[in-house]
Protein backbone atom coordinates (compact mmCIF):
# COMPACT_ATOMS: atom_id res chain seq x y z
CA MET A 1 -154.94 3.20 -47.02
CA ARG A 2 -156.61 5.39 -44.45
CA ILE A 3 -159.25 7.99 -45.87
CA ILE A 4 -161.39 8.91 -43.16
CA SER A 5 -160.68 9.25 -39.15
CA CYS A 6 -163.32 9.86 -36.23
CA ASN A 7 -162.31 11.40 -33.26
CA TYR A 8 -164.62 12.05 -30.00
CA SER A 9 -164.27 14.83 -28.10
CA HIS A 10 -165.43 14.43 -24.05
CA ARG A 11 -165.77 18.13 -23.79
CA ILE A 12 -168.60 18.83 -26.03
CA GLY A 13 -169.55 15.11 -26.39
CA GLU A 14 -169.48 14.68 -29.92
CA ALA A 15 -167.69 12.69 -32.66
CA LYS A 16 -166.38 14.14 -35.81
CA ALA A 17 -164.97 12.76 -39.08
CA THR A 18 -162.00 14.09 -40.76
CA THR A 19 -160.83 13.30 -44.28
CA THR A 20 -156.86 12.50 -44.93
CA LYS A 21 -154.71 14.12 -47.62
CA SER A 22 -155.17 10.56 -49.38
CA TYR A 23 -158.97 10.77 -49.36
CA ASN A 24 -158.62 14.48 -50.78
CA GLU A 25 -156.52 13.46 -53.68
CA LEU A 26 -158.94 10.68 -54.79
CA ASP A 27 -160.88 11.59 -57.87
CA ASP A 28 -164.60 12.84 -56.87
CA VAL A 29 -166.06 9.60 -58.26
CA ILE A 30 -164.13 7.10 -56.07
CA LYS A 31 -164.52 9.65 -53.14
CA MET A 32 -168.33 9.08 -53.51
CA ASP A 33 -167.71 5.48 -53.85
CA CYS A 34 -165.88 5.43 -50.80
CA LEU A 35 -168.46 7.48 -48.60
CA ILE A 36 -171.39 5.48 -49.82
CA ASP A 37 -169.21 2.15 -48.64
CA VAL A 38 -168.54 4.17 -45.00
CA ILE A 39 -172.19 4.98 -44.63
CA TYR A 40 -173.08 1.45 -45.08
CA GLU A 41 -170.71 0.02 -42.55
CA LEU A 42 -171.68 2.40 -40.15
CA ARG A 43 -175.16 1.93 -40.47
CA ASN A 44 -174.46 -1.88 -39.70
CA LEU A 45 -172.39 -0.92 -36.44
CA GLN A 46 -175.37 1.37 -35.68
CA GLU A 47 -178.05 -1.48 -35.93
CA ARG A 48 -175.66 -4.14 -34.09
CA LEU A 49 -175.31 -2.03 -31.31
CA HIS A 50 -178.88 -0.90 -31.30
CA LYS A 51 -179.78 -4.77 -31.26
CA LYS A 52 -177.19 -5.30 -28.36
CA MET A 53 -178.51 -2.26 -26.35
CA TYR A 54 -182.24 -2.37 -26.50
CA ARG A 55 -183.72 -6.11 -27.72
CA PRO A 56 -182.68 -8.08 -24.42
CA ASN A 57 -184.60 -5.34 -22.53
CA ARG A 58 -187.53 -4.81 -25.06
CA LEU A 59 -190.68 -3.41 -23.26
CA LYS A 60 -194.40 -3.93 -24.19
CA ASN A 61 -196.52 -1.80 -22.28
CA GLY A 62 -194.15 -1.42 -19.83
CA ILE A 63 -193.47 -5.05 -19.33
CA LYS A 64 -190.39 -6.73 -20.02
CA GLU A 65 -191.01 -9.10 -23.14
CA GLU A 66 -188.83 -12.39 -23.11
């Protein structure tokens, strides 16, 4: 079941999350559980991307670390 959708706007350079009808019909306790799960997954995605972007090019005092 799809509960949340994210859309990126090139015009404003932002992503916005919107909830679906299925999510809106859930009990509040289940909604909260879903949000906690999604936030956890998004943090994992963010951490992996951050490592990919910055780990290989770590700089220490302006000098690339190998």
